[in-house]
Amino acid sequence: MASHAPARLVLAHRFVAAIFGAYIFAWGFIALGTAGLFALGMPFHDAEHLSSMLVFLVYLGAFLWAFIAKSMLRLWLLLAGGGGLMAAGASLLQHFLV
């Protein structure tokens, strides 16, 4: 039974990355998508709805990628780091729009 513990720990870590890392990435995508589409001239609510519709595919892709990624460090850097960078970019873009 002890030999299964490391495998279960790795699987649990991947589940945490898939759920929370993909959520952070999706949140950044919605923020940047909404701000970017609004900056390009789309009405705010249309930009918000389009970003919200597209994020289902983005979240699904990020969730599934968490289970096939070879490097957990790269996975977390791209999911959490990418989500954070997209959110920061959206905040900066919103600052320039106001």
PDB file of N, CA and C in Angstrom:
ATOM      1  N   MET A   1       0.813  -1.187   0.000  1.00  0.00           N
ATOM      2  CA  MET A   1       0.000   0.000   0.000  1.00  0.00           C
ATOM      3  C   MET A   1       0.863   1.259   0.000  1.00  0.00           C
ATOM      4  N   ALA A   2       2.037   1.185   0.599  1.00  0.00           N
ATOM      5  CA  ALA A   2       2.918   2.344   0.646  1.00  0.00           C
ATOM      6  C   ALA A   2       3.445   2.704  -0.736  1.00  0.00           C
ATOM      7  N   SER A   3       3.530   1.733  -1.633  1.00  0.00           N
ATOM      8  CA  SER A   3       4.040   2.027  -2.972  1.00  0.00           C
ATOM      9  C   SER A   3       3.057   2.855  -3.787  1.00  0.00           C
ATOM     10  N   HIS A   4       1.784   2.868  -3.407  1.00  0.00           N
ATOM     11  CA  HIS A   4       0.788   3.651  -4.125  1.00  0.00           C
ATOM     12  C   HIS A   4       0.720   5.099  -3.639  1.00  0.00           C
ATOM     13  N   ALA A   5       1.310   5.385  -2.497  1.00  0.00           N
ATOM     14  CA  ALA A   5       1.225   6.728  -1.925  1.00  0.00           C
ATOM     15  C   ALA A   5       1.843   7.790  -2.828  1.00  0.00           C
ATOM     16  N   PRO A   6       3.054   7.612  -3.378  1.00  0.00           N
ATOM     17  CA  PRO A   6       3.595   8.647  -4.255  1.00  0.00           C
ATOM     18  C   PRO A   6       2.748   8.854  -5.513  1.00  0.00           C
ATOM     19  N   ALA A   7       2.229   7.776  -6.073  1.00  0.00           N
ATOM     20  CA  ALA A   7       1.398   7.910  -7.270  1.00  0.00           C
ATOM     21  C   ALA A   7       0.114   8.671  -6.953  1.00  0.00           C
ATOM     22  N   ARG A   8      -0.455   8.410  -5.794  1.00  0.00           N
ATOM     23  CA  ARG A   8      -1.672   9.123  -5.402  1.00  0.00           C
ATOM     24  C   ARG A   8      -1.380  10.589  -5.124  1.00  0.00           C
ATOM     25  N   LEU A   9      -0.209  10.870  -4.562  1.00  0.00           N
ATOM     26  CA  LEU A   9       0.169  12.252  -4.296  1.00  0.00           C
ATOM     27  C   LEU A   9       0.357  13.019  -5.601  1.00  0.00           C
ATOM     28  N   VAL A  10       0.990  12.396  -6.573  1.00  0.00           N
ATOM     29  CA  VAL A  10       1.175  13.033  -7.879  1.00  0.00           C
ATOM     30  C   VAL A  10      -0.178  13.281  -8.538  1.00  0.00           C
ATOM     31  N   LEU A  11      -1.057  12.306  -8.464  1.00  0.00           N
ATOM     32  CA  LEU A  11      -2.386  12.461  -9.048  1.00  0.00           C
ATOM     33  C   LEU A  11      -3.171  13.568  -8.343  1.00  0.00           C
ATOM     34  N   ALA A  12      -3.063  13.635  -7.025  1.00  0.00           N
ATOM     35  CA  ALA A  12      -3.741  14.703  -6.282  1.00  0.00           C
ATOM     36  C   ALA A  12      -3.187  16.069  -6.668  1.00  0.00           C
ATOM     37  N   HIS A  13      -1.878  16.157  -6.848  1.00  0.00           N
ATOM     38  CA  HIS A  13      -1.260  17.412  -7.263  1.00  0.00           C
ATOM     39  C   HIS A  13      -1.741  17.819  -8.647  1.00  0.00           C
ATOM     40  N   ARG A  14      -1.896  16.863  -9.529  1.00  0.00           N
ATOM     41  CA  ARG A  14      -2.403  17.164 -10.873  1.00  0.00           C
ATOM     42  C   ARG A  14      -3.863  17.620 -10.825  1.00  0.00           C
ATOM     43  N   PHE A  15      -4.657  17.017  -9.941  1.00  0.00           N
ATOM     44  CA  PHE A  15      -6.047  17.459  -9.790  1.00  0.00           C
ATOM     45  C   PHE A  15      -6.107  18.895  -9.272  1.00  0.00           C
ATOM     46  N   VAL A  16      -5.265  19.228  -8.316  1.00  0.00           N
ATOM     47  CA  VAL A  16      -5.221  20.598  -7.800  1.00  0.00           C
ATOM     48  C   VAL A  16      -4.799  21.560  -8.902  1.00  0.00           C
ATOM     49  N   ALA A  17      -3.792  21.181  -9.677  1.00  0.00           N
ATOM     50  CA  ALA A  17      -3.353  22.026 -10.788  1.00  0.00           C
ATOM     51  C   ALA A  17      -4.445  22.156 -11.835  1.00  0.00           C
ATOM     52  N   ALA A  18      -5.133  21.058 -12.115  1.00  0.00           N
ATOM     53  CA  ALA A  18      -6.177  21.090 -13.135  1.00  0.00           C
ATOM     54  C   ALA A  18      -7.336  21.982 -12.711  1.00  0.00           C
ATOM     55  N   ILE A  19      -7.743  21.883 -11.468  1.00  0.00           N
ATOM     56  CA  ILE A  19      -8.910  22.653 -11.024  1.00  0.00           C
ATOM     57  C   ILE A  19      -8.542  24.113 -10.773  1.00  0.00           C
ATOM     58  N   PHE A  20      -7.558  24.344  -9.915  1.00  0.00           N
ATOM     59  CA  PHE A  20      -7.251  25.714  -9.515  1.00  0.00           C
ATOM     60  C   PHE A  20      -6.366  26.447 -10.520  1.00  0.00           C
ATOM     61  N   GLY A  21      -5.386  25.763 -11.084  1.00  0.00           N
ATOM     62  CA  GLY A  21      -4.541  26.399 -12.092  1.00  0.00           C
ATOM     63  C   GLY A  21      -5.320  26.767 -13.340  1.00  0.00           C
ATOM     64  N   ALA A  22      -6.178  25.864 -13.788  1.00  0.00           N
ATOM     65  CA  ALA A  22      -7.003  26.158 -14.961  1.00  0.00           C
ATOM     66  C   ALA A  22      -7.990  27.274 -14.659  1.00  0.00           C
ATOM     67  N   TYR A  23      -8.475  27.352 -13.418  1.00  0.00           N
ATOM     68  CA  TYR A  23      -9.384  28.436 -13.033  1.00  0.00           C
ATOM     69  C   TYR A  23      -8.668  29.787 -13.096  1.00  0.00           C
ATOM     70  N   ILE A  24      -7.453  29.842 -12.579  1.00  0.00           N
ATOM     71  CA  ILE A  24      -6.679  31.089 -12.626  1.00  0.00           C
ATOM     72  C   ILE A  24      -6.434  31.496 -14.074  1.00  0.00           C
ATOM     73  N   PHE A  25      -6.071  30.524 -14.904  1.00  0.00           N
ATOM     74  CA  PHE A  25      -5.821  30.807 -16.316  1.00  0.00           C
ATOM     75  C   PHE A  25      -7.100  31.291 -17.000  1.00  0.00           C
ATOM     76  N   ALA A  26      -8.220  30.652 -16.709  1.00  0.00           N
ATOM     77  CA  ALA A  26      -9.496  31.035 -17.314  1.00  0.00           C
ATOM     78  C   ALA A  26      -9.922  32.429 -16.857  1.00  0.00           C
ATOM     79  N   TRP A  27      -9.696  32.733 -15.596  1.00  0.00           N
ATOM     80  CA  TRP A  27     -10.042  34.046 -15.069  1.00  0.00           C
ATOM     81  C   TRP A  27      -9.233  35.141 -15.779  1.00  0.00           C
ATOM     82  N   GLY A  28      -7.942  34.895 -15.968  1.00  0.00           N
ATOM     83  CA  GLY A  28      -7.113  35.847 -16.698  1.00  0.00           C
ATOM     84  C   GLY A  28      -7.555  35.991 -18.144  1.00  0.00           C
ATOM     85  N   PHE A  29      -7.965  34.880 -18.756  1.00  0.00           N
ATOM     86  CA  PHE A  29      -8.441  34.918 -20.140  1.00  0.00           C
ATOM     87  C   PHE A  29      -9.698  35.772 -20.262  1.00  0.00           C
ATOM     88  N   ILE A  30     -10.638  35.598 -19.348  1.00  0.00           N
ATOM     89  CA  ILE A  30     -11.870  36.398 -19.398  1.00  0.00           C
ATOM     90  C   ILE A  30     -11.552  37.876 -19.201  1.00  0.00           C
ATOM     91  N   ALA A  31     -10.689  38.184 -18.248  1.00  0.00           N
ATOM     92  CA  ALA A  31     -10.346  39.581 -17.980  1.00  0.00           C
ATOM     93  C   ALA A  31      -9.680  40.220 -19.190  1.00  0.00           C
ATOM     94  N   LEU A  32      -8.695  39.537 -19.758  1.00  0.00           N
ATOM     95  CA  LEU A  32      -7.991  40.096 -20.908  1.00  0.00           C
ATOM     96  C   LEU A  32      -8.875  40.119 -22.148  1.00  0.00           C
ATOM     97  N   GLY A  33      -9.665  39.072 -22.346  1.00  0.00           N
ATOM     98  CA  GLY A  33     -10.562  39.032 -23.500  1.00  0.00           C
ATOM     99  C   GLY A  33     -11.594  40.139 -23.460  1.00  0.00           C
ATOM    100  N   THR A  34     -12.187  40.355 -22.306  1.00  0.00           N
ATOM    101  CA  THR A  34     -13.193  41.409 -22.172  1.00  0.00           C
ATOM    102  C   THR A  34     -12.577  42.783 -22.390  1.00  0.00           C
ATOM    103  N   ALA A  35     -11.449  43.044 -21.753  1.00  0.00           N
ATOM    104  CA  ALA A  35     -10.794  44.347 -21.907  1.00  0.00           C
ATOM    105  C   ALA A  35     -10.297  44.552 -23.331  1.00  0.00           C
ATOM    106  N   GLY A  36      -9.722  43.502 -23.920  1.00  0.00           N
ATOM    107  CA  GLY A  36      -9.199  43.626 -25.278  1.00  0.00           C
ATOM    108  C   GLY A  36     -10.284  43.835 -26.313  1.00  0.00           C
ATOM    109  N   LEU A  37     -11.358  43.081 -26.218  1.00  0.00           N
ATOM    110  CA  LEU A  37     -12.454  43.244 -27.177  1.00  0.00           C
ATOM    111  C   LEU A  37     -13.147  44.589 -27.000  1.00  0.00           C
ATOM    112  N   PHE A  38     -13.272  45.053 -25.760  1.00  0.00           N
ATOM    113  CA  PHE A  38     -13.852  46.375 -25.521  1.00  0.00           C
ATOM    114  C   PHE A  38     -12.948  47.465 -26.094  1.00  0.00           C
ATOM    115  N   ALA A  39     -11.643  47.292 -25.954  1.00  0.00           N
ATOM    116  CA  ALA A  39     -10.700  48.269 -26.506  1.00  0.00           C
ATOM    117  C   ALA A  39     -10.757  48.302 -28.030  1.00  0.00           C
ATOM    118  N   LEU A  40     -11.120  47.183 -28.636  1.00  0.00           N
ATOM    119  CA  LEU A  40     -11.232  47.127 -30.099  1.00  0.00           C
ATOM    120  C   LEU A  40     -12.567  47.656 -30.609  1.00  0.00           C
ATOM    121  N   GLY A  41     -13.441  48.075 -29.707  1.00  0.00           N
ATOM    122  CA  GLY A  41     -14.683  48.704 -30.118  1.00  0.00           C
ATOM    123  C   GLY A  41     -15.941  47.882 -29.921  1.00  0.00           C
ATOM    124  N   MET A  42     -15.823  46.691 -29.400  1.00  0.00           N
ATOM    125  CA  MET A  42     -17.015  45.871 -29.149  1.00  0.00           C
ATOM    126  C   MET A  42     -17.719  46.396 -27.897  1.00  0.00           C
ATOM    127  N   PRO A  43     -19.047  46.435 -27.895  1.00  0.00           N
ATOM    128  CA  PRO A  43     -19.748  46.838 -26.667  1.00  0.00           C
ATOM    129  C   PRO A  43     -19.351  45.940 -25.492  1.00  0.00           C
ATOM    130  N   PHE A  44     -19.338  46.530 -24.286  1.00  0.00           N
ATOM    131  CA  PHE A  44     -18.807  45.830 -23.119  1.00  0.00           C
ATOM    132  C   PHE A  44     -19.492  44.496 -22.866  1.00  0.00           C
ATOM    133  N   HIS A  45     -20.810  44.481 -22.859  1.00  0.00           N
ATOM    134  CA  HIS A  45     -21.521  43.244 -22.526  1.00  0.00           C
ATOM    135  C   HIS A  45     -21.342  42.182 -23.604  1.00  0.00           C
ATOM    136  N   ASP A  46     -21.215  42.599 -24.859  1.00  0.00           N
ATOM    137  CA  ASP A  46     -20.935  41.629 -25.922  1.00  0.00           C
ATOM    138  C   ASP A  46     -19.543  41.028 -25.740  1.00  0.00           C
ATOM    139  N   ALA A  47     -18.569  41.874 -25.395  1.00  0.00           N
ATOM    140  CA  ALA A  47     -17.207  41.390 -25.152  1.00  0.00           C
ATOM    141  C   ALA A  47     -17.175  40.441 -23.961  1.00  0.00           C
ATOM    142  N   GLU A  48     -17.923  40.784 -22.935  1.00  0.00           N
ATOM    143  CA  GLU A  48     -17.982  39.947 -21.738  1.00  0.00           C
ATOM    144  C   GLU A  48     -18.618  38.588 -22.045  1.00  0.00           C
ATOM    145  N   HIS A  49     -19.686  38.597 -22.809  1.00  0.00           N
ATOM    146  CA  HIS A  49     -20.369  37.335 -23.134  1.00  0.00           C
ATOM    147  C   HIS A  49     -19.526  36.468 -24.059  1.00  0.00           C
ATOM    148  N   LEU A  50     -18.879  37.076 -25.050  1.00  0.00           N
ATOM    149  CA  LEU A  50     -18.027  36.302 -25.954  1.00  0.00           C
ATOM    150  C   LEU A  50     -16.862  35.676 -25.194  1.00  0.00           C
ATOM    151  N   SER A  51     -16.236  36.444 -24.323  1.00  0.00           N
ATOM    152  CA  SER A  51     -15.133  35.903 -23.517  1.00  0.00           C
ATOM    153  C   SER A  51     -15.620  34.777 -22.612  1.00  0.00           C
ATOM    154  N   SER A  52     -16.801  34.948 -22.046  1.00  0.00           N
ATOM    155  CA  SER A  52     -17.355  33.918 -21.166  1.00  0.00           C
ATOM    156  C   SER A  52     -17.706  32.645 -21.921  1.00  0.00           C
ATOM    157  N   MET A  53     -18.113  32.774 -23.166  1.00  0.00           N
ATOM    158  CA  MET A  53     -18.414  31.579 -23.962  1.00  0.00           C
ATOM    159  C   MET A  53     -17.133  30.856 -24.369  1.00  0.00           C
ATOM    160  N   LEU A  54     -16.120  31.613 -24.766  1.00  0.00           N
ATOM    161  CA  LEU A  54     -14.866  31.004 -25.211  1.00  0.00           C
ATOM    162  C   LEU A  54     -14.088  30.365 -24.065  1.00  0.00           C
ATOM    163  N   VAL A  55     -14.289  30.867 -22.852  1.00  0.00           N
ATOM    164  CA  VAL A  55     -13.502  30.371 -21.729  1.00  0.00           C
ATOM    165  C   VAL A  55     -13.822  28.914 -21.402  1.00  0.00           C
ATOM    166  N   PHE A  56     -14.983  28.420 -21.790  1.00  0.00           N
ATOM    167  CA  PHE A  56     -15.278  27.006 -21.546  1.00  0.00           C
ATOM    168  C   PHE A  56     -14.284  26.115 -22.282  1.00  0.00           C
ATOM    169  N   LEU A  57     -13.945  26.483 -23.511  1.00  0.00           N
ATOM    170  CA  LEU A  57     -12.953  25.715 -24.267  1.00  0.00           C
ATOM    171  C   LEU A  57     -11.554  25.895 -23.681  1.00  0.00           C
ATOM    172  N   VAL A  58     -11.246  27.106 -23.257  1.00  0.00           N
ATOM    173  CA  VAL A  58      -9.939  27.380 -22.658  1.00  0.00           C
ATOM    174  C   VAL A  58      -9.775  26.587 -21.362  1.00  0.00           C
ATOM    175  N   TYR A  59     -10.795  26.598 -20.510  1.00  0.00           N
ATOM    176  CA  TYR A  59     -10.726  25.865 -19.244  1.00  0.00           C
ATOM    177  C   TYR A  59     -10.611  24.366 -19.495  1.00  0.00           C
ATOM    178  N   LEU A  60     -11.384  23.859 -20.433  1.00  0.00           N
ATOM    179  CA  LEU A  60     -11.317  22.432 -20.744  1.00  0.00           C
ATOM    180  C   LEU A  60      -9.921  22.050 -21.226  1.00  0.00           C
ATOM    181  N   GLY A  61      -9.349  22.851 -22.118  1.00  0.00           N
ATOM    182  CA  GLY A  61      -8.003  22.571 -22.608  1.00  0.00           C
ATOM    183  C   GLY A  61      -6.962  22.615 -21.504  1.00  0.00           C
ATOM    184  N   ALA A  62      -7.042  23.620 -20.637  1.00  0.00           N
ATOM    185  CA  ALA A  62      -6.087  23.731 -19.531  1.00  0.00           C
ATOM    186  C   ALA A  62      -6.270  22.592 -18.532  1.00  0.00           C
ATOM    187  N   PHE A  63      -7.517  22.221 -18.260  1.00  0.00           N
ATOM    188  CA  PHE A  63      -7.803  21.127 -17.334  1.00  0.00           C
ATOM    189  C   PHE A  63      -7.221  19.819 -17.849  1.00  0.00           C
ATOM    190  N   LEU A  64      -7.448  19.521 -19.112  1.00  0.00           N
ATOM    191  CA  LEU A  64      -6.937  18.269 -19.679  1.00  0.00           C
ATOM    192  C   LEU A  64      -5.419  18.284 -19.799  1.00  0.00           C
ATOM    193  N   TRP A  65      -4.851  19.450 -20.117  1.00  0.00           N
ATOM    194  CA  TRP A  65      -3.405  19.551 -20.261  1.00  0.00           C
ATOM    195  C   TRP A  65      -2.696  19.271 -18.934  1.00  0.00           C
ATOM    196  N   ALA A  66      -3.361  19.571 -17.824  1.00  0.00           N
ATOM    197  CA  ALA A  66      -2.755  19.327 -16.513  1.00  0.00           C
ATOM    198  C   ALA A  66      -2.453  17.849 -16.293  1.00  0.00           C
ATOM    199  N   PHE A  67      -3.155  16.966 -16.968  1.00  0.00           N
ATOM    200  CA  PHE A  67      -2.942  15.537 -16.779  1.00  0.00           C
ATOM    201  C   PHE A  67      -1.947  14.938 -17.769  1.00  0.00           C
ATOM    202  N   ILE A  68      -1.611  15.672 -18.823  1.00  0.00           N
ATOM    203  CA  ILE A  68      -0.645  15.130 -19.782  1.00  0.00           C
ATOM    204  C   ILE A  68       0.679  15.885 -19.778  1.00  0.00           C
ATOM    205  N   ALA A  69       0.755  16.977 -19.027  1.00  0.00           N
ATOM    206  CA  ALA A  69       1.994  17.749 -18.968  1.00  0.00           C
ATOM    207  C   ALA A  69       3.092  16.915 -18.312  1.00  0.00           C
ATOM    208  N   LYS A  70       4.286  16.987 -18.873  1.00  0.00           N
ATOM    209  CA  LYS A  70       5.404  16.216 -18.327  1.00  0.00           C
ATOM    210  C   LYS A  70       6.028  16.898 -17.115  1.00  0.00           C
ATOM    211  N   SER A  71       6.034  18.221 -17.111  1.00  0.00           N
ATOM    212  CA  SER A  71       6.676  18.963 -16.035  1.00  0.00           C
ATOM    213  C   SER A  71       5.627  19.728 -15.226  1.00  0.00           C
ATOM    214  N   MET A  72       5.555  19.451 -13.943  1.00  0.00           N
ATOM    215  CA  MET A  72       4.615  20.165 -13.081  1.00  0.00           C
ATOM    216  C   MET A  72       5.026  21.626 -12.902  1.00  0.00           C
ATOM    217  N   LEU A  73       6.330  21.888 -12.901  1.00  0.00           N
ATOM    218  CA  LEU A  73       6.790  23.267 -12.783  1.00  0.00           C
ATOM    219  C   LEU A  73       6.334  24.078 -13.986  1.00  0.00           C
ATOM    220  N   ARG A  74       6.518  23.539 -15.170  1.00  0.00           N
ATOM    221  CA  ARG A  74       6.087  24.230 -16.389  1.00  0.00           C
ATOM    222  C   ARG A  74       4.567  24.403 -16.399  1.00  0.00           C
ATOM    223  N   LEU A  75       3.864  23.402 -15.924  1.00  0.00           N
ATOM    224  CA  LEU A  75       2.404  23.471 -15.859  1.00  0.00           C
ATOM    225  C   LEU A  75       1.958  24.631 -14.977  1.00  0.00           C
ATOM    226  N   TRP A  76       2.525  24.715 -13.773  1.00  0.00           N
ATOM    227  CA  TRP A  76       2.130  25.792 -12.864  1.00  0.00           C
ATOM    228  C   TRP A  76       2.582  27.157 -13.371  1.00  0.00           C
ATOM    229  N   LEU A  77       3.764  27.210 -13.988  1.00  0.00           N
ATOM    230  CA  LEU A  77       4.221  28.491 -14.529  1.00  0.00           C
ATOM    231  C   LEU A  77       3.291  28.992 -15.618  1.00  0.00           C
ATOM    232  N   LEU A  78       2.849  28.103 -16.478  1.00  0.00           N
ATOM    233  CA  LEU A  78       1.981  28.531 -17.567  1.00  0.00           C
ATOM    234  C   LEU A  78       0.549  28.786 -17.107  1.00  0.00           C
ATOM    235  N   LEU A  79       0.026  27.967 -16.226  1.00  0.00           N
ATOM    236  CA  LEU A  79      -1.352  28.174 -15.791  1.00  0.00           C
ATOM    237  C   LEU A  79      -1.469  29.361 -14.833  1.00  0.00           C
ATOM    238  N   ALA A  80      -0.780  29.306 -13.714  1.00  0.00           N
ATOM    239  CA  ALA A  80      -0.886  30.386 -12.733  1.00  0.00           C
ATOM    240  C   ALA A  80      -0.165  31.648 -13.209  1.00  0.00           C
ATOM    241  N   GLY A  81       1.033  31.473 -13.755  1.00  0.00           N
ATOM    242  CA  GLY A  81       1.775  32.629 -14.251  1.00  0.00           C
ATOM    243  C   GLY A  81       1.099  33.281 -15.440  1.00  0.00           C
ATOM    244  N   GLY A  82       0.629  32.464 -16.369  1.00  0.00           N
ATOM    245  CA  GLY A  82      -0.073  33.006 -17.536  1.00  0.00           C
ATOM    246  C   GLY A  82      -1.367  33.687 -17.148  1.00  0.00           C
ATOM    247  N   GLY A  83      -2.106  33.083 -16.228  1.00  0.00           N
ATOM    248  CA  GLY A  83      -3.340  33.713 -15.753  1.00  0.00           C
ATOM    249  C   GLY A  83      -3.069  35.034 -15.057  1.00  0.00           C
ATOM    250  N   GLY A  84      -2.029  35.058 -14.237  1.00  0.00           N
ATOM    251  CA  GLY A  84      -1.658  36.301 -13.564  1.00  0.00           C
ATOM    252  C   GLY A  84      -1.208  37.378 -14.532  1.00  0.00           C
ATOM    253  N   LEU A  85      -0.433  36.992 -15.536  1.00  0.00           N
ATOM    254  CA  LEU A  85       0.013  37.969 -16.537  1.00  0.00           C
ATOM    255  C   LEU A  85      -1.153  38.490 -17.368  1.00  0.00           C
ATOM    256  N   MET A  86      -2.083  37.605 -17.725  1.00  0.00           N
ATOM    257  CA  MET A  86      -3.256  38.067 -18.477  1.00  0.00           C
ATOM    258  C   MET A  86      -4.105  39.013 -17.633  1.00  0.00           C
ATOM    259  N   ALA A  87      -4.272  38.709 -16.354  1.00  0.00           N
ATOM    260  CA  ALA A  87      -5.041  39.589 -15.470  1.00  0.00           C
ATOM    261  C   ALA A  87      -4.339  40.935 -15.303  1.00  0.00           C
ATOM    262  N   ALA A  88      -3.019  40.915 -15.172  1.00  0.00           N
ATOM    263  CA  ALA A  88      -2.269  42.170 -15.059  1.00  0.00           C
ATOM    264  C   ALA A  88      -2.356  42.974 -16.352  1.00  0.00           C
ATOM    265  N   GLY A  89      -2.270  42.288 -17.486  1.00  0.00           N
ATOM    266  CA  GLY A  89      -2.416  42.972 -18.770  1.00  0.00           C
ATOM    267  C   GLY A  89      -3.796  43.573 -18.940  1.00  0.00           C
ATOM    268  N   ALA A  90      -4.817  42.860 -18.499  1.00  0.00           N
ATOM    269  CA  ALA A  90      -6.183  43.385 -18.569  1.00  0.00           C
ATOM    270  C   ALA A  90      -6.341  44.604 -17.673  1.00  0.00           C
ATOM    271  N   SER A  91      -5.750  44.550 -16.487  1.00  0.00           N
ATOM    272  CA  SER A  91      -5.823  45.688 -15.573  1.00  0.00           C
ATOM    273  C   SER A  91      -5.120  46.906 -16.158  1.00  0.00           C
ATOM    274  N   LEU A  92      -3.982  46.684 -16.768  1.00  0.00           N
ATOM    275  CA  LEU A  92      -3.252  47.781 -17.406  1.00  0.00           C
ATOM    276  C   LEU A  92      -4.039  48.354 -18.579  1.00  0.00           C
ATOM    277  N   LEU A  93      -4.623  47.491 -19.381  1.00  0.00           N
ATOM    278  CA  LEU A  93      -5.428  47.936 -20.514  1.00  0.00           C
ATOM    279  C   LEU A  93      -6.651  48.715 -20.039  1.00  0.00           C
ATOM    280  N   GLN A  94      -7.291  48.254 -18.983  1.00  0.00           N
ATOM    281  CA  GLN A  94      -8.446  48.969 -18.434  1.00  0.00           C
ATOM    282  C   GLN A  94      -8.038  50.327 -17.886  1.00  0.00           C
ATOM    283  N   HIS A  95      -6.846  50.410 -17.323  1.00  0.00           N
ATOM    284  CA  HIS A  95      -6.351  51.685 -16.813  1.00  0.00           C
ATOM    285  C   HIS A  95      -6.209  52.695 -17.947  1.00  0.00           C
ATOM    286  N   PHE A  96      -5.739  52.246 -19.106  1.00  0.00           N
ATOM    287  CA  PHE A  96      -5.573  53.146 -20.242  1.00  0.00           C
ATOM    288  C   PHE A  96      -6.903  53.500 -20.899  1.00  0.00           C
ATOM    289  N   LEU A  97      -7.904  52.654 -20.757  1.00  0.00           N
ATOM    290  CA  LEU A  97      -9.210  52.925 -21.354  1.00  0.00           C
ATOM    291  C   LEU A  97     -10.019  53.942 -20.560  1.00  0.00           C
ATOM    292  N   VAL A  98      -9.755  54.031 -19.271  1.00  0.00           N
ATOM    293  CA  VAL A  98     -10.565  54.924 -18.425  1.00  0.00           C
ATOM    294  C   VAL A  98     -10.000  56.294 -18.392  1.00  0.00           C
TER     295      VAL A  98
END
